[in-house]
Amino acid sequence: MVNLLVSTSSADTRVIYHYFDFRAEIHSHQGVMVVRHLLRQLLEHQDQLPQEVLTLYDKSKKSRIELTEKVWTNTFFTCMLSSSKLYIMLDGLDECPD
């Protein structure tokens, strides 16, 4: 399905996805890991990272503390809203322990 969306979408359309797999390490099913994975995909084809992401990176690098799930989620939603057309696919939700 992801390949179909990518191949039939216009240039301004982004398709990001996350597959849940019962064989994967349990931490990959955690909400913050899913959000980070989706955010990485959302940003990887941009010519320039948004200022919010650069600021977040600088803060985390200086303080050396792990960012909270709320910070990651807010950053993801901010970046998501800047996309003109976005499809998010989540597959295998039934394979999550929670």
PDB file of N, CA and C in Angstrom:
ATOM      1  N   MET A   1       0.815  -1.188   0.000  1.00  0.00           N
ATOM      2  CA  MET A   1       0.000   0.000   0.000  1.00  0.00           C
ATOM      3  C   MET A   1       0.864   1.259   0.000  1.00  0.00           C
ATOM      4  N   VAL A   2       1.958   1.240   0.776  1.00  0.00           N
ATOM      5  CA  VAL A   2       2.842   2.402   0.820  1.00  0.00           C
ATOM      6  C   VAL A   2       3.421   2.668  -0.563  1.00  0.00           C
ATOM      7  N   ASN A   3       3.901   1.619  -1.229  1.00  0.00           N
ATOM      8  CA  ASN A   3       4.469   1.790  -2.571  1.00  0.00           C
ATOM      9  C   ASN A   3       3.438   2.341  -3.550  1.00  0.00           C
ATOM     10  N   LEU A   4       2.207   1.891  -3.447  1.00  0.00           N
ATOM     11  CA  LEU A   4       1.136   2.394  -4.319  1.00  0.00           C
ATOM     12  C   LEU A   4       0.908   3.879  -4.075  1.00  0.00           C
ATOM     13  N   LEU A   5       0.830   4.280  -2.816  1.00  0.00           N
ATOM     14  CA  LEU A   5       0.632   5.700  -2.502  1.00  0.00           C
ATOM     15  C   LEU A   5       1.785   6.554  -3.017  1.00  0.00           C
ATOM     16  N   VAL A   6       3.006   6.075  -2.810  1.00  0.00           N
ATOM     17  CA  VAL A   6       4.180   6.831  -3.249  1.00  0.00           C
ATOM     18  C   VAL A   6       4.196   6.959  -4.774  1.00  0.00           C
ATOM     19  N   SER A   7       3.917   5.867  -5.467  1.00  0.00           N
ATOM     20  CA  SER A   7       4.001   5.883  -6.929  1.00  0.00           C
ATOM     21  C   SER A   7       2.878   6.681  -7.589  1.00  0.00           C
ATOM     22  N   THR A   8       1.762   6.837  -6.919  1.00  0.00           N
ATOM     23  CA  THR A   8       0.633   7.558  -7.523  1.00  0.00           C
ATOM     24  C   THR A   8       0.448   8.962  -6.965  1.00  0.00           C
ATOM     25  N   SER A   9       1.318   9.381  -6.066  1.00  0.00           N
ATOM     26  CA  SER A   9       1.171  10.696  -5.436  1.00  0.00           C
ATOM     27  C   SER A   9       1.916  11.765  -6.214  1.00  0.00           C
ATOM     28  N   SER A  10       1.468  12.985  -6.031  1.00  0.00           N
ATOM     29  CA  SER A  10       2.148  14.116  -6.654  1.00  0.00           C
ATOM     30  C   SER A  10       3.417  14.451  -5.881  1.00  0.00           C
ATOM     31  N   ALA A  11       4.224  15.323  -6.442  1.00  0.00           N
ATOM     32  CA  ALA A  11       5.520  15.663  -5.841  1.00  0.00           C
ATOM     33  C   ALA A  11       5.394  16.318  -4.477  1.00  0.00           C
ATOM     34  N   ASP A  12       4.282  17.002  -4.216  1.00  0.00           N
ATOM     35  CA  ASP A  12       4.120  17.683  -2.928  1.00  0.00           C
ATOM     36  C   ASP A  12       3.482  16.800  -1.853  1.00  0.00           C
ATOM     37  N   THR A  13       3.284  15.520  -2.153  1.00  0.00           N
ATOM     38  CA  THR A  13       2.665  14.592  -1.210  1.00  0.00           C
ATOM     39  C   THR A  13       3.737  13.773  -0.498  1.00  0.00           C
ATOM     40  N   ARG A  14       3.609  13.688   0.813  1.00  0.00           N
ATOM     41  CA  ARG A  14       4.532  12.883   1.618  1.00  0.00           C
ATOM     42  C   ARG A  14       3.788  11.660   2.131  1.00  0.00           C
ATOM     43  N   VAL A  15       4.455  10.532   2.108  1.00  0.00           N
ATOM     44  CA  VAL A  15       3.908   9.294   2.644  1.00  0.00           C
ATOM     45  C   VAL A  15       4.901   8.786   3.684  1.00  0.00           C
ATOM     46  N   ILE A  16       4.445   8.676   4.929  1.00  0.00           N
ATOM     47  CA  ILE A  16       5.296   8.148   5.991  1.00  0.00           C
ATOM     48  C   ILE A  16       4.564   6.976   6.635  1.00  0.00           C
ATOM     49  N   TYR A  17       5.322   6.073   7.221  1.00  0.00           N
ATOM     50  CA  TYR A  17       4.697   4.854   7.732  1.00  0.00           C
ATOM     51  C   TYR A  17       5.493   4.263   8.888  1.00  0.00           C
ATOM     52  N   HIS A  18       4.820   3.416   9.629  1.00  0.00           N
ATOM     53  CA  HIS A  18       5.471   2.642  10.678  1.00  0.00           C
ATOM     54  C   HIS A  18       4.811   1.269  10.723  1.00  0.00           C
ATOM     55  N   TYR A  19       5.637   0.237  10.700  1.00  0.00           N
ATOM     56  CA  TYR A  19       5.146  -1.134  10.799  1.00  0.00           C
ATOM     57  C   TYR A  19       5.420  -1.673  12.185  1.00  0.00           C
ATOM     58  N   PHE A  20       4.402  -2.144  12.840  1.00  0.00           N
ATOM     59  CA  PHE A  20       4.553  -2.802  14.126  1.00  0.00           C
ATOM     60  C   PHE A  20       4.749  -4.283  13.853  1.00  0.00           C
ATOM     61  N   ASP A  21       5.733  -4.871  14.507  1.00  0.00           N
ATOM     62  CA  ASP A  21       6.051  -6.277  14.281  1.00  0.00           C
ATOM     63  C   ASP A  21       6.266  -6.936  15.635  1.00  0.00           C
ATOM     64  N   PHE A  22       5.550  -8.004  15.896  1.00  0.00           N
ATOM     65  CA  PHE A  22       5.665  -8.667  17.200  1.00  0.00           C
ATOM     66  C   PHE A  22       7.065  -9.201  17.448  1.00  0.00           C
ATOM     67  N   ARG A  23       7.854  -9.401  16.392  1.00  0.00           N
ATOM     68  CA  ARG A  23       9.226  -9.912  16.547  1.00  0.00           C
ATOM     69  C   ARG A  23      10.229  -8.799  16.841  1.00  0.00           C
ATOM     70  N   ALA A  24       9.816  -7.559  16.653  1.00  0.00           N
ATOM     71  CA  ALA A  24      10.719  -6.421  16.871  1.00  0.00           C
ATOM     72  C   ALA A  24      10.955  -6.217  18.363  1.00  0.00           C
ATOM     73  N   GLU A  25      12.015  -5.504  18.657  1.00  0.00           N
ATOM     74  CA  GLU A  25      12.291  -5.182  20.055  1.00  0.00           C
ATOM     75  C   GLU A  25      11.125  -4.364  20.607  1.00  0.00           C
ATOM     76  N   ILE A  26      10.797  -4.626  21.849  1.00  0.00           N
ATOM     77  CA  ILE A  26       9.620  -4.016  22.470  1.00  0.00           C
ATOM     78  C   ILE A  26       9.691  -2.486  22.483  1.00  0.00           C
ATOM     79  N   HIS A  27      10.889  -1.908  22.602  1.00  0.00           N
ATOM     80  CA  HIS A  27      10.983  -0.444  22.660  1.00  0.00           C
ATOM     81  C   HIS A  27      10.562   0.205  21.344  1.00  0.00           C
ATOM     82  N   SER A  28      10.604  -0.532  20.220  1.00  0.00           N
ATOM     83  CA  SER A  28      10.203   0.064  18.944  1.00  0.00           C
ATOM     84  C   SER A  28       8.695   0.277  18.866  1.00  0.00           C
ATOM     85  N   HIS A  29       7.939  -0.311  19.808  1.00  0.00           N
ATOM     86  CA  HIS A  29       6.490  -0.120  19.844  1.00  0.00           C
ATOM     87  C   HIS A  29       6.087   1.037  20.754  1.00  0.00           C
ATOM     88  N   GLN A  30       7.019   1.586  21.484  1.00  0.00           N
ATOM     89  CA  GLN A  30       6.697   2.687  22.380  1.00  0.00           C
ATOM     90  C   GLN A  30       6.303   3.911  21.557  1.00  0.00           C
ATOM     91  N   GLY A  31       5.365   4.668  22.097  1.00  0.00           N
ATOM     92  CA  GLY A  31       4.858   5.838  21.386  1.00  0.00           C
ATOM     93  C   GLY A  31       5.933   6.803  20.941  1.00  0.00           C
ATOM     94  N   VAL A  32       6.881   7.081  21.813  1.00  0.00           N
ATOM     95  CA  VAL A  32       7.921   8.046  21.469  1.00  0.00           C
ATOM     96  C   VAL A  32       8.797   7.525  20.329  1.00  0.00           C
ATOM     97  N   MET A  33       9.039   6.245  20.273  1.00  0.00           N
ATOM     98  CA  MET A  33       9.848   5.680  19.190  1.00  0.00           C
ATOM     99  C   MET A  33       9.099   5.754  17.856  1.00  0.00           C
ATOM    100  N   VAL A  34       7.801   5.523  17.894  1.00  0.00           N
ATOM    101  CA  VAL A  34       6.990   5.618  16.672  1.00  0.00           C
ATOM    102  C   VAL A  34       6.995   7.059  16.168  1.00  0.00           C
ATOM    103  N   VAL A  35       6.786   8.010  17.063  1.00  0.00           N
ATOM    104  CA  VAL A  35       6.778   9.425  16.684  1.00  0.00           C
ATOM    105  C   VAL A  35       8.136   9.836  16.119  1.00  0.00           C
ATOM    106  N   ARG A  36       9.219   9.394  16.749  1.00  0.00           N
ATOM    107  CA  ARG A  36      10.557   9.728  16.256  1.00  0.00           C
ATOM    108  C   ARG A  36      10.792   9.134  14.871  1.00  0.00           C
ATOM    109  N   HIS A  37      10.338   7.912  14.652  1.00  0.00           N
ATOM    110  CA  HIS A  37      10.482   7.269  13.347  1.00  0.00           C
ATOM    111  C   HIS A  37       9.704   8.027  12.276  1.00  0.00           C
ATOM    112  N   LEU A  38       8.475   8.419  12.579  1.00  0.00           N
ATOM    113  CA  LEU A  38       7.665   9.167  11.627  1.00  0.00           C
ATOM    114  C   LEU A  38       8.252  10.555  11.363  1.00  0.00           C
ATOM    115  N   LEU A  39       8.750  11.199  12.412  1.00  0.00           N
ATOM    116  CA  LEU A  39       9.360  12.518  12.261  1.00  0.00           C
ATOM    117  C   LEU A  39      10.593  12.450  11.369  1.00  0.00           C
ATOM    118  N   ARG A  40      11.420  11.441  11.573  1.00  0.00           N
ATOM    119  CA  ARG A  40      12.616  11.283  10.731  1.00  0.00           C
ATOM    120  C   ARG A  40      12.230  11.166   9.262  1.00  0.00           C
ATOM    121  N   GLN A  41      11.214  10.371   8.978  1.00  0.00           N
ATOM    122  CA  GLN A  41      10.764  10.213   7.593  1.00  0.00           C
ATOM    123  C   GLN A  41      10.214  11.518   7.032  1.00  0.00           C
ATOM    124  N   LEU A  42       9.510  12.237   7.860  1.00  0.00           N
ATOM    125  CA  LEU A  42       8.921  13.500   7.428  1.00  0.00           C
ATOM    126  C   LEU A  42       9.997  14.519   7.068  1.00  0.00           C
ATOM    127  N   LEU A  43      11.106  14.491   7.790  1.00  0.00           N
ATOM    128  CA  LEU A  43      12.152  15.492   7.602  1.00  0.00           C
ATOM    129  C   LEU A  43      13.250  15.088   6.621  1.00  0.00           C
ATOM    130  N   GLU A  44      13.370  13.814   6.335  1.00  0.00           N
ATOM    131  CA  GLU A  44      14.545  13.351   5.595  1.00  0.00           C
ATOM    132  C   GLU A  44      14.654  13.872   4.165  1.00  0.00           C
ATOM    133  N   HIS A  45      13.578  14.289   3.558  1.00  0.00           N
ATOM    134  CA  HIS A  45      13.647  14.782   2.181  1.00  0.00           C
ATOM    135  C   HIS A  45      13.539  16.303   2.083  1.00  0.00           C
ATOM    136  N   GLN A  46      13.587  16.956   3.208  1.00  0.00           N
ATOM    137  CA  GLN A  46      13.520  18.420   3.198  1.00  0.00           C
ATOM    138  C   GLN A  46      14.910  18.983   2.938  1.00  0.00           C
ATOM    139  N   ASP A  47      14.949  20.064   2.194  1.00  0.00           N
ATOM    140  CA  ASP A  47      16.223  20.720   1.906  1.00  0.00           C
ATOM    141  C   ASP A  47      16.817  21.346   3.157  1.00  0.00           C
ATOM    142  N   GLN A  48      15.937  21.821   4.025  1.00  0.00           N
ATOM    143  CA  GLN A  48      16.369  22.525   5.227  1.00  0.00           C
ATOM    144  C   GLN A  48      15.483  22.102   6.393  1.00  0.00           C
ATOM    145  N   LEU A  49      16.103  21.849   7.525  1.00  0.00           N
ATOM    146  CA  LEU A  49      15.329  21.473   8.704  1.00  0.00           C
ATOM    147  C   LEU A  49      14.603  22.690   9.264  1.00  0.00           C
ATOM    148  N   PRO A  50      13.382  22.494   9.757  1.00  0.00           N
ATOM    149  CA  PRO A  50      12.647  23.602  10.375  1.00  0.00           C
ATOM    150  C   PRO A  50      13.388  24.137  11.605  1.00  0.00           C
ATOM    151  N   GLN A  51      13.197  25.415  11.880  1.00  0.00           N
ATOM    152  CA  GLN A  51      13.867  26.045  13.016  1.00  0.00           C
ATOM    153  C   GLN A  51      13.532  25.345  14.330  1.00  0.00           C
ATOM    154  N   GLU A  52      12.290  24.868  14.472  1.00  0.00           N
ATOM    155  CA  GLU A  52      11.886  24.173  15.700  1.00  0.00           C
ATOM    156  C   GLU A  52      12.763  22.945  15.950  1.00  0.00           C
ATOM    157  N   VAL A  53      13.073  22.233  14.891  1.00  0.00           N
ATOM    158  CA  VAL A  53      13.891  21.016  15.010  1.00  0.00           C
ATOM    159  C   VAL A  53      15.330  21.378  15.353  1.00  0.00           C
ATOM    160  N   LEU A  54      15.861  22.404  14.726  1.00  0.00           N
ATOM    161  CA  LEU A  54      17.234  22.837  15.019  1.00  0.00           C
ATOM    162  C   LEU A  54      17.361  23.316  16.463  1.00  0.00           C
ATOM    163  N   THR A  55      16.380  24.076  16.924  1.00  0.00           N
ATOM    164  CA  THR A  55      16.380  24.553  18.308  1.00  0.00           C
ATOM    165  C   THR A  55      16.303  23.388  19.283  1.00  0.00           C
ATOM    166  N   LEU A  56      15.437  22.448  18.996  1.00  0.00           N
ATOM    167  CA  LEU A  56      15.291  21.260  19.832  1.00  0.00           C
ATOM    168  C   LEU A  56      16.595  20.470  19.896  1.00  0.00           C
ATOM    169  N   TYR A  57      17.245  20.323  18.766  1.00  0.00           N
ATOM    170  CA  TYR A  57      18.526  19.612  18.716  1.00  0.00           C
ATOM    171  C   TYR A  57      19.571  20.322  19.576  1.00  0.00           C
ATOM    172  N   ASP A  58      19.659  21.633  19.429  1.00  0.00           N
ATOM    173  CA  ASP A  58      20.636  22.401  20.214  1.00  0.00           C
ATOM    174  C   ASP A  58      20.373  22.279  21.711  1.00  0.00           C
ATOM    175  N   LYS A  59      19.103  22.364  22.108  1.00  0.00           N
ATOM    176  CA  LYS A  59      18.748  22.252  23.525  1.00  0.00           C
ATOM    177  C   LYS A  59      19.127  20.881  24.089  1.00  0.00           C
ATOM    178  N   SER A  60      18.790  19.843  23.345  1.00  0.00           N
ATOM    179  CA  SER A  60      19.055  18.489  23.845  1.00  0.00           C
ATOM    180  C   SER A  60      20.544  18.194  23.881  1.00  0.00           C
ATOM    181  N   LYS A  61      21.266  18.739  22.935  1.00  0.00           N
ATOM    182  CA  LYS A  61      22.722  18.527  22.893  1.00  0.00           C
ATOM    183  C   LYS A  61      23.411  19.219  24.068  1.00  0.00           C
ATOM    184  N   LYS A  62      22.951  20.419  24.390  1.00  0.00           N
ATOM    185  CA  LYS A  62      23.554  21.176  25.487  1.00  0.00           C
ATOM    186  C   LYS A  62      23.215  20.580  26.847  1.00  0.00           C
ATOM    187  N   SER A  63      21.966  20.183  27.014  1.00  0.00           N
ATOM    188  CA  SER A  63      21.532  19.710  28.333  1.00  0.00           C
ATOM    189  C   SER A  63      21.801  18.224  28.540  1.00  0.00           C
ATOM    190  N   ARG A  64      21.981  17.486  27.454  1.00  0.00           N
ATOM    191  CA  ARG A  64      22.250  16.047  27.500  1.00  0.00           C
ATOM    192  C   ARG A  64      21.183  15.255  28.262  1.00  0.00           C
ATOM    193  N   ILE A  65      19.953  15.726  28.150  1.00  0.00           N
ATOM    194  CA  ILE A  65      18.852  14.976  28.751  1.00  0.00           C
ATOM    195  C   ILE A  65      17.953  14.458  27.632  1.00  0.00           C
ATOM    196  N   GLU A  66      17.289  13.357  27.911  1.00  0.00           N
ATOM    197  CA  GLU A  66      16.389  12.764  26.937  1.00  0.00           C
ATOM    198  C   GLU A  66      15.119  13.613  26.842  1.00  0.00           C
ATOM    199  N   LEU A  67      14.696  13.893  25.625  1.00  0.00           N
ATOM    200  CA  LEU A  67      13.492  14.687  25.420  1.00  0.00           C
ATOM    201  C   LEU A  67      12.255  13.855  25.752  1.00  0.00           C
ATOM    202  N   THR A  68      11.234  14.512  26.231  1.00  0.00           N
ATOM    203  CA  THR A  68      10.019  13.806  26.637  1.00  0.00           C
ATOM    204  C   THR A  68       9.174  13.449  25.412  1.00  0.00           C
ATOM    205  N   GLU A  69       8.261  12.520  25.634  1.00  0.00           N
ATOM    206  CA  GLU A  69       7.343  12.129  24.565  1.00  0.00           C
ATOM    207  C   GLU A  69       6.507  13.323  24.104  1.00  0.00           C
ATOM    208  N   LYS A  70       6.128  14.174  25.033  1.00  0.00           N
ATOM    209  CA  LYS A  70       5.334  15.357  24.698  1.00  0.00           C
ATOM    210  C   LYS A  70       6.113  16.291  23.760  1.00  0.00           C
ATOM    211  N   VAL A  71       7.389  16.494  24.034  1.00  0.00           N
ATOM    212  CA  VAL A  71       8.218  17.360  23.180  1.00  0.00           C
ATOM    213  C   VAL A  71       8.325  16.768  21.780  1.00  0.00           C
ATOM    214  N   TRP A  72       8.595  15.461  21.688  1.00  0.00           N
ATOM    215  CA  TRP A  72       8.688  14.801  20.380  1.00  0.00           C
ATOM    216  C   TRP A  72       7.358  14.906  19.628  1.00  0.00           C
ATOM    217  N   THR A  73       6.256  14.673  20.321  1.00  0.00           N
ATOM    218  CA  THR A  73       4.938  14.701  19.686  1.00  0.00           C
ATOM    219  C   THR A  73       4.602  16.103  19.199  1.00  0.00           C
ATOM    220  N   ASN A  74       4.849  17.106  20.019  1.00  0.00           N
ATOM    221  CA  ASN A  74       4.584  18.491  19.610  1.00  0.00           C
ATOM    222  C   ASN A  74       5.423  18.875  18.392  1.00  0.00           C
ATOM    223  N   THR A  75       6.676  18.465  18.392  1.00  0.00           N
ATOM    224  CA  THR A  75       7.559  18.756  17.260  1.00  0.00           C
ATOM    225  C   THR A  75       7.044  18.069  15.995  1.00  0.00           C
ATOM    226  N   PHE A  76       6.628  16.817  16.141  1.00  0.00           N
ATOM    227  CA  PHE A  76       6.089  16.082  14.996  1.00  0.00           C
ATOM    228  C   PHE A  76       4.857  16.784  14.431  1.00  0.00           C
ATOM    229  N   PHE A  77       3.929  17.176  15.295  1.00  0.00           N
ATOM    230  CA  PHE A  77       2.709  17.837  14.824  1.00  0.00           C
ATOM    231  C   PHE A  77       3.010  19.185  14.174  1.00  0.00           C
ATOM    232  N   THR A  78       3.955  19.921  14.721  1.00  0.00           N
ATOM    233  CA  THR A  78       4.346  21.194  14.115  1.00  0.00           C
ATOM    234  C   THR A  78       4.892  20.974  12.706  1.00  0.00           C
ATOM    235  N   CYS A  79       5.761  19.987  12.561  1.00  0.00           N
ATOM    236  CA  CYS A  79       6.335  19.685  11.245  1.00  0.00           C
ATOM    237  C   CYS A  79       5.285  19.105  10.299  1.00  0.00           C
ATOM    238  N   MET A  80       4.391  18.313  10.839  1.00  0.00           N
ATOM    239  CA  MET A  80       3.335  17.705  10.040  1.00  0.00           C
ATOM    240  C   MET A  80       2.426  18.779   9.433  1.00  0.00           C
ATOM    241  N   LEU A  81       2.126  19.803  10.198  1.00  0.00           N
ATOM    242  CA  LEU A  81       1.242  20.859   9.727  1.00  0.00           C
ATOM    243  C   LEU A  81       1.856  21.677   8.589  1.00  0.00           C
ATOM    244  N   SER A  82       3.172  21.629   8.448  1.00  0.00           N
ATOM    245  CA  SER A  82       3.825  22.363   7.367  1.00  0.00           C
ATOM    246  C   SER A  82       3.807  21.591   6.051  1.00  0.00           C
ATOM    247  N   SER A  83       3.377  20.339   6.079  1.00  0.00           N
ATOM    248  CA  SER A  83       3.268  19.541   4.852  1.00  0.00           C
ATOM    249  C   SER A  83       1.954  19.850   4.166  1.00  0.00           C
ATOM    250  N   SER A  84       2.013  20.024   2.858  1.00  0.00           N
ATOM    251  CA  SER A  84       0.782  20.349   2.143  1.00  0.00           C
ATOM    252  C   SER A  84      -0.150  19.147   2.040  1.00  0.00           C
ATOM    253  N   LYS A  85       0.404  17.970   1.806  1.00  0.00           N
ATOM    254  CA  LYS A  85      -0.405  16.760   1.732  1.00  0.00           C
ATOM    255  C   LYS A  85       0.408  15.628   2.349  1.00  0.00           C
ATOM    256  N   LEU A  86      -0.189  14.925   3.304  1.00  0.00           N
ATOM    257  CA  LEU A  86       0.554  13.915   4.051  1.00  0.00           C
ATOM    258  C   LEU A  86      -0.330  12.700   4.319  1.00  0.00           C
ATOM    259  N   TYR A  87       0.217  11.527   4.040  1.00  0.00           N
ATOM    260  CA  TYR A  87      -0.428  10.267   4.407  1.00  0.00           C
ATOM    261  C   TYR A  87       0.439   9.606   5.467  1.00  0.00           C
ATOM    262  N   ILE A  88      -0.191   9.149   6.541  1.00  0.00           N
ATOM    263  CA  ILE A  88       0.510   8.421   7.593  1.00  0.00           C
ATOM    264  C   ILE A  88      -0.104   7.029   7.659  1.00  0.00           C
ATOM    265  N   MET A  89       0.721   6.032   7.470  1.00  0.00           N
ATOM    266  CA  MET A  89       0.240   4.656   7.502  1.00  0.00           C
ATOM    267  C   MET A  89       0.831   3.943   8.709  1.00  0.00           C
ATOM    268  N   LEU A  90      -0.040   3.314   9.481  1.00  0.00           N
ATOM    269  CA  LEU A  90       0.381   2.505  10.615  1.00  0.00           C
ATOM    270  C   LEU A  90      -0.131   1.091  10.369  1.00  0.00           C
ATOM    271  N   ASP A  91       0.757   0.134  10.330  1.00  0.00           N
ATOM    272  CA  ASP A  91       0.375  -1.234  10.016  1.00  0.00           C
ATOM    273  C   ASP A  91       0.782  -2.148  11.165  1.00  0.00           C
ATOM    274  N   GLY A  92      -0.073  -3.084  11.481  1.00  0.00           N
ATOM    275  CA  GLY A  92       0.239  -4.081  12.507  1.00  0.00           C
ATOM    276  C   GLY A  92      -0.070  -3.634  13.907  1.00  0.00           C
ATOM    277  N   LEU A  93      -0.998  -2.714  14.082  1.00  0.00           N
ATOM    278  CA  LEU A  93      -1.347  -2.260  15.422  1.00  0.00           C
ATOM    279  C   LEU A  93      -1.779  -3.406  16.315  1.00  0.00           C
ATOM    280  N   ASP A  94      -2.341  -4.441  15.703  1.00  0.00           N
ATOM    281  CA  ASP A  94      -2.779  -5.608  16.486  1.00  0.00           C
ATOM    282  C   ASP A  94      -1.611  -6.408  17.047  1.00  0.00           C
ATOM    283  N   GLU A  95      -0.388  -6.096  16.621  1.00  0.00           N
ATOM    284  CA  GLU A  95       0.790  -6.803  17.093  1.00  0.00           C
ATOM    285  C   GLU A  95       1.471  -6.092  18.259  1.00  0.00           C
ATOM    286  N   CYS A  96       0.917  -4.968  18.693  1.00  0.00           N
ATOM    287  CA  CYS A  96       1.472  -4.227  19.820  1.00  0.00           C
ATOM    288  C   CYS A  96       1.019  -4.852  21.135  1.00  0.00           C
ATOM    289  N   PRO A  97       1.926  -4.895  22.100  1.00  0.00           N
ATOM    290  CA  PRO A  97       1.538  -5.449  23.387  1.00  0.00           C
ATOM    291  C   PRO A  97       0.571  -4.564  24.154  1.00  0.00           C
ATOM    292  N   ASP A  98       0.613  -3.248  23.951  1.00  0.00           N
ATOM    293  CA  ASP A  98      -0.276  -2.307  24.655  1.00  0.00           C
ATOM    294  C   ASP A  98      -1.346  -1.780  23.749  1.00  0.00           C
TER     295      ASP A  98
END
